[in-house]
Protein backbone atom coordinates (compact mmCIF):
# COMPACT_ATOMS: atom_id res chain seq x y z
CA UNK A 1 -9.23 -0.38 -20.04
CA UNK A 2 -6.52 -2.41 -18.29
CA UNK A 3 -5.18 -5.25 -20.43
CA UNK A 4 -4.13 -8.28 -18.37
CA UNK A 5 -2.35 -11.54 -19.22
CA UNK A 6 -2.97 -14.55 -16.98
CA UNK A 7 -0.15 -17.04 -16.60
CA UNK A 8 0.54 -20.28 -14.78
CA UNK A 9 -1.84 -22.47 -12.88
CA UNK A 10 -4.29 -24.85 -14.45
CA UNK A 11 -6.68 -23.78 -17.24
CA UNK A 12 -9.71 -24.04 -14.92
CA UNK A 13 -8.10 -21.70 -12.38
CA UNK A 14 -7.18 -19.22 -15.12
CA UNK A 15 -10.73 -19.29 -16.50
CA UNK A 16 -12.26 -18.67 -13.06
CA UNK A 17 -9.85 -15.79 -12.44
CA UNK A 18 -10.56 -14.37 -15.90
CA UNK A 19 -14.31 -14.33 -15.27
CA UNK A 20 -13.83 -12.74 -11.86
CA UNK A 21 -11.50 -10.00 -13.13
CA UNK A 22 -13.61 -9.16 -16.17
CA UNK A 23 -16.68 -8.63 -13.98
CA UNK A 24 -15.00 -5.42 -12.85
CA UNK A 25 -15.50 -3.67 -16.17
CA UNK A 26 -12.21 -1.81 -16.56
CA UNK A 27 -10.19 -5.04 -16.82
CA UNK A 28 -9.89 -7.17 -19.95
CA UNK A 29 -7.95 -10.43 -20.01
CA UNK A 30 -6.21 -10.35 -23.40
CA UNK A 31 -4.32 -13.67 -23.19
CA UNK A 32 -3.74 -16.76 -21.10
CA UNK A 33 -0.22 -18.18 -21.03
CA UNK A 34 0.60 -21.69 -19.88
CA UNK A 35 4.39 -21.21 -19.85
CA UNK A 36 6.97 -18.45 -19.28
CA UNK A 37 7.75 -18.35 -23.02
CA UNK A 38 4.07 -17.88 -23.85
CA UNK A 39 3.88 -15.10 -21.27
CA UNK A 40 6.73 -13.21 -22.97
CA UNK A 41 5.21 -13.83 -26.39
CA UNK A 42 1.76 -12.59 -25.39
CA UNK A 43 3.24 -9.54 -23.63
CA UNK A 44 4.78 -8.55 -26.95
CA UNK A 45 1.69 -9.34 -28.98
CA UNK A 46 -1.00 -7.92 -26.70
CA UNK A 47 0.63 -4.76 -25.28
CA UNK A 48 -0.51 -5.69 -21.78
CA UNK A 49 -0.60 -3.38 -18.77
CA UNK A 50 -0.37 -6.16 -16.19
CA UNK A 51 0.17 -9.87 -15.70
CA UNK A 52 -1.29 -12.13 -13.04
CA UNK A 53 1.01 -15.10 -12.52
CA UNK A 54 0.34 -18.11 -10.32
CA UNK A 55 3.63 -19.35 -8.84
CA UNK A 56 4.40 -22.53 -6.97
CA UNK A 57 7.54 -21.19 -5.30
CA UNK A 58 6.99 -19.85 -1.81
CA UNK A 59 9.45 -16.96 -2.13
CA UNK A 60 11.56 -15.01 -4.58
CA UNK A 61 10.63 -13.32 -7.81
CA UNK A 62 9.73 -15.69 -10.66
CA UNK A 63 12.60 -15.65 -13.16
CA UNK A 64 10.37 -14.76 -16.11
CA UNK A 65 9.61 -11.37 -14.52
CA UNK A 66 13.19 -10.11 -14.90
CA UNK A 67 12.91 -10.77 -18.66
CA UNK A 68 9.46 -9.23 -18.77
CA UNK A 69 10.56 -6.02 -17.04
CA UNK A 70 13.52 -5.55 -19.41
CA UNK A 71 11.19 -5.50 -22.39
CA UNK A 72 8.10 -3.96 -20.76
CA UNK A 73 9.12 -1.69 -17.86
CA UNK A 74 5.57 -0.35 -17.44
CA UNK A 75 4.01 -3.73 -16.65
CA UNK A 76 2.65 -4.49 -13.20
CA UNK A 77 3.11 -8.13 -12.18
CA UNK A 78 0.80 -9.67 -9.60
CA UNK A 79 2.16 -13.01 -8.38
CA UNK A 80 -0.31 -15.25 -6.58
CA UNK A 81 1.42 -17.84 -4.43
CA UNK A 82 -1.03 -20.66 -3.84
CA UNK A 83 1.17 -22.10 -1.11
CA UNK A 84 1.28 -19.72 1.79
CA UNK A 85 -1.85 -17.80 0.74
CA UNK A 86 0.13 -14.75 -0.43
CA UNK A 87 0.07 -12.16 -3.23
CA UNK A 88 3.21 -10.23 -4.22
CA UNK A 89 3.11 -7.22 -6.57
CA UNK A 90 6.21 -6.35 -8.60
CA UNK A 91 6.83 -3.14 -10.53
CA UNK A 92 9.68 -1.84 -12.69
CA UNK A 93 11.90 -0.87 -9.78
CA UNK A 94 11.54 -4.47 -8.65
CA UNK A 95 9.84 -3.33 -5.50
CA UNK A 96 7.65 -5.97 -3.97
CA UNK A 97 4.52 -5.44 -1.92
CA UNK A 98 3.58 -8.46 0.13
CA UNK A 99 0.02 -9.09 1.26
CA UNK A 100 -0.57 -11.75 3.87
CA UNK A 101 -3.68 -13.56 2.73
CA UNK A 102 -5.07 -13.61 -0.78
CA UNK A 103 -7.63 -10.87 -1.30
CA UNK A 104 -9.39 -10.15 -4.58
CA UNK A 105 -9.71 -6.53 -3.44
CA UNK A 106 -5.90 -6.24 -3.11
CA UNK A 107 -5.36 -7.78 -6.56
CA UNK A 108 -7.96 -5.49 -8.17
CA UNK A 109 -6.51 -2.44 -6.46
CA UNK A 110 -3.04 -3.20 -7.82
CA UNK A 111 -4.33 -3.94 -11.32
CA UNK A 112 -6.16 -0.60 -11.40
CA UNK A 113 -2.85 1.18 -10.86
CA UNK A 114 -1.41 -0.25 -14.10
CA UNK A 115 -0.63 2.56 -16.54
CA UNK A 116 -3.16 1.74 -19.24
CA UNK A 117 -2.28 4.94 -21.13
CA UNK A 118 1.33 3.75 -21.74
CA UNK A 119 0.56 2.24 -25.13
CA UNK A 120 -1.38 5.33 -26.23
CA UNK A 121 1.70 7.53 -25.86
CA UNK A 122 4.07 7.89 -28.81
CA UNK A 123 7.21 8.26 -26.68
CA UNK A 124 7.73 4.60 -25.70
């Protein structure tokens, strides 16, 4: 099971995304954060594998992700940019994959690569 935190955007958008993601069985939305501080808090509390963050900025990595990766290097961050119709995926090495056009299939594919076994290991 892949544990996901949703962050940013309006509550209606987060709820619609939550329902869509959870229809795919192996994904469970464990928290919804309305601010960067809540995102960091829920990442600590929920032991998430991935975050899906809606960002208004058209480019650049959202600042909260640098803090998130320091504490949780295994997390996959999927940033949905509503302006420009773009999804960017960030991983520990701060590599970014850019997809032109927002595709649920691309988001699901990236979420499925999250290391859901990380929290089961005793060596972290």
